[in-house]
Protein backbone atom coordinates (compact mmCIF):
# COMPACT_ATOMS: atom_id res chain seq x y z
CA UNK A 1 22.82 -3.16 142.48
CA UNK A 2 21.80 -5.54 145.25
CA UNK A 3 23.94 -3.65 147.78
CA UNK A 4 22.45 -0.32 146.72
CA UNK A 5 18.90 -1.69 146.95
CA UNK A 6 19.67 -3.08 150.40
CA UNK A 7 20.73 0.43 151.50
CA UNK A 8 17.60 1.96 149.94
CA UNK A 9 14.72 -0.24 151.10
CA UNK A 10 12.08 2.27 150.00
CA UNK A 11 13.04 1.63 146.36
CA UNK A 12 11.37 -1.32 144.65
CA UNK A 13 12.23 -2.47 141.15
CA UNK A 14 9.52 -3.81 138.91
CA UNK A 15 10.35 -5.62 135.70
CA UNK A 16 7.78 -5.67 132.95
CA UNK A 17 7.85 -7.64 129.70
CA UNK A 18 9.35 -5.52 126.93
CA UNK A 19 6.41 -6.06 124.61
CA UNK A 20 3.67 -6.04 127.23
CA UNK A 21 4.18 -2.81 129.09
CA UNK A 22 1.78 0.13 129.13
CA UNK A 23 4.90 2.26 128.80
CA UNK A 24 5.06 1.16 125.17
CA UNK A 25 1.91 3.21 124.62
CA UNK A 26 3.57 6.23 126.22
CA UNK A 27 6.56 5.76 123.91
CA UNK A 28 4.23 5.53 120.91
CA UNK A 29 2.50 8.77 121.89
CA UNK A 30 5.78 10.62 122.33
CA UNK A 31 6.98 9.24 119.01
CA UNK A 32 3.88 10.63 117.32
CA UNK A 33 4.16 14.03 118.98
CA UNK A 34 7.86 14.16 118.12
CA UNK A 35 7.21 13.48 114.44
CA UNK A 36 4.18 15.71 114.10
CA UNK A 37 5.03 18.68 116.32
CA UNK A 38 8.47 18.78 117.90
CA UNK A 39 10.70 18.02 114.90
CA UNK A 40 9.01 20.76 112.93
CA UNK A 41 10.71 23.30 115.16
CA UNK A 42 7.54 24.26 116.97
CA UNK A 43 7.41 25.54 120.50
CA UNK A 44 5.41 25.00 123.67
CA UNK A 45 2.08 26.41 122.45
CA UNK A 46 2.18 24.26 119.31
CA UNK A 47 2.71 21.16 121.45
CA UNK A 48 -0.27 22.14 123.60
CA UNK A 49 -2.32 22.65 120.43
CA UNK A 50 -1.27 19.20 119.21
CA UNK A 51 -2.30 17.58 122.51
CA UNK A 52 -5.64 19.43 122.51
CA UNK A 53 -6.31 18.19 118.96
CA UNK A 54 -5.27 14.67 119.91
CA UNK A 55 -7.66 14.71 122.87
CA UNK A 56 -10.50 16.05 120.69
CA UNK A 57 -10.16 13.03 118.37
CA UNK A 58 -9.92 10.79 121.43
CA UNK A 59 -9.31 7.42 119.78
CA UNK A 60 -7.73 4.81 122.05
CA UNK A 61 -4.64 2.85 121.14
CA UNK A 62 -5.62 -0.68 120.21
CA UNK A 63 -3.48 -3.66 121.18
CA UNK A 64 -2.77 -5.80 118.16
CA UNK A 65 -1.04 -8.63 120.02
CA UNK A 66 -3.00 -11.32 121.82
CA UNK A 67 -2.47 -11.97 125.52
CA UNK A 68 -0.95 -15.36 124.63
CA UNK A 69 1.49 -13.68 122.24
CA UNK A 70 2.58 -11.17 124.88
CA UNK A 71 3.08 -13.90 127.47
CA UNK A 72 5.04 -16.02 125.00
CA UNK A 73 7.42 -13.12 124.36
CA UNK A 74 7.75 -12.42 128.08
CA UNK A 75 8.84 -15.96 128.95
CA UNK A 76 11.08 -16.65 125.96
CA UNK A 77 14.66 -17.62 126.82
CA UNK A 78 17.18 -14.81 126.91
CA UNK A 79 19.85 -14.69 124.23
CA UNK A 80 22.34 -12.46 125.98
CA UNK A 81 24.72 -13.39 128.77
CA UNK A 82 24.05 -11.10 131.76
CA UNK A 83 27.39 -12.06 133.34
CA UNK A 84 29.61 -10.09 130.96
């Protein structure tokens, strides 16, 4: 990985805490849309209808974890051995 990154200097890796990333919210949204629209065998227009309805309700996701809790999870010691 280090050799590849050295050959591709325009690429920068960013590591985010697993429980503190905004991407978790994206995963939550796609989980909801999967359960409520996609798994029902609907097609493109039904997904657009779902998103329009979602936007009409327009309620934000609310973080339930405190900043201290997120930081504590981000700095906890790892349990796996990365050298396997």
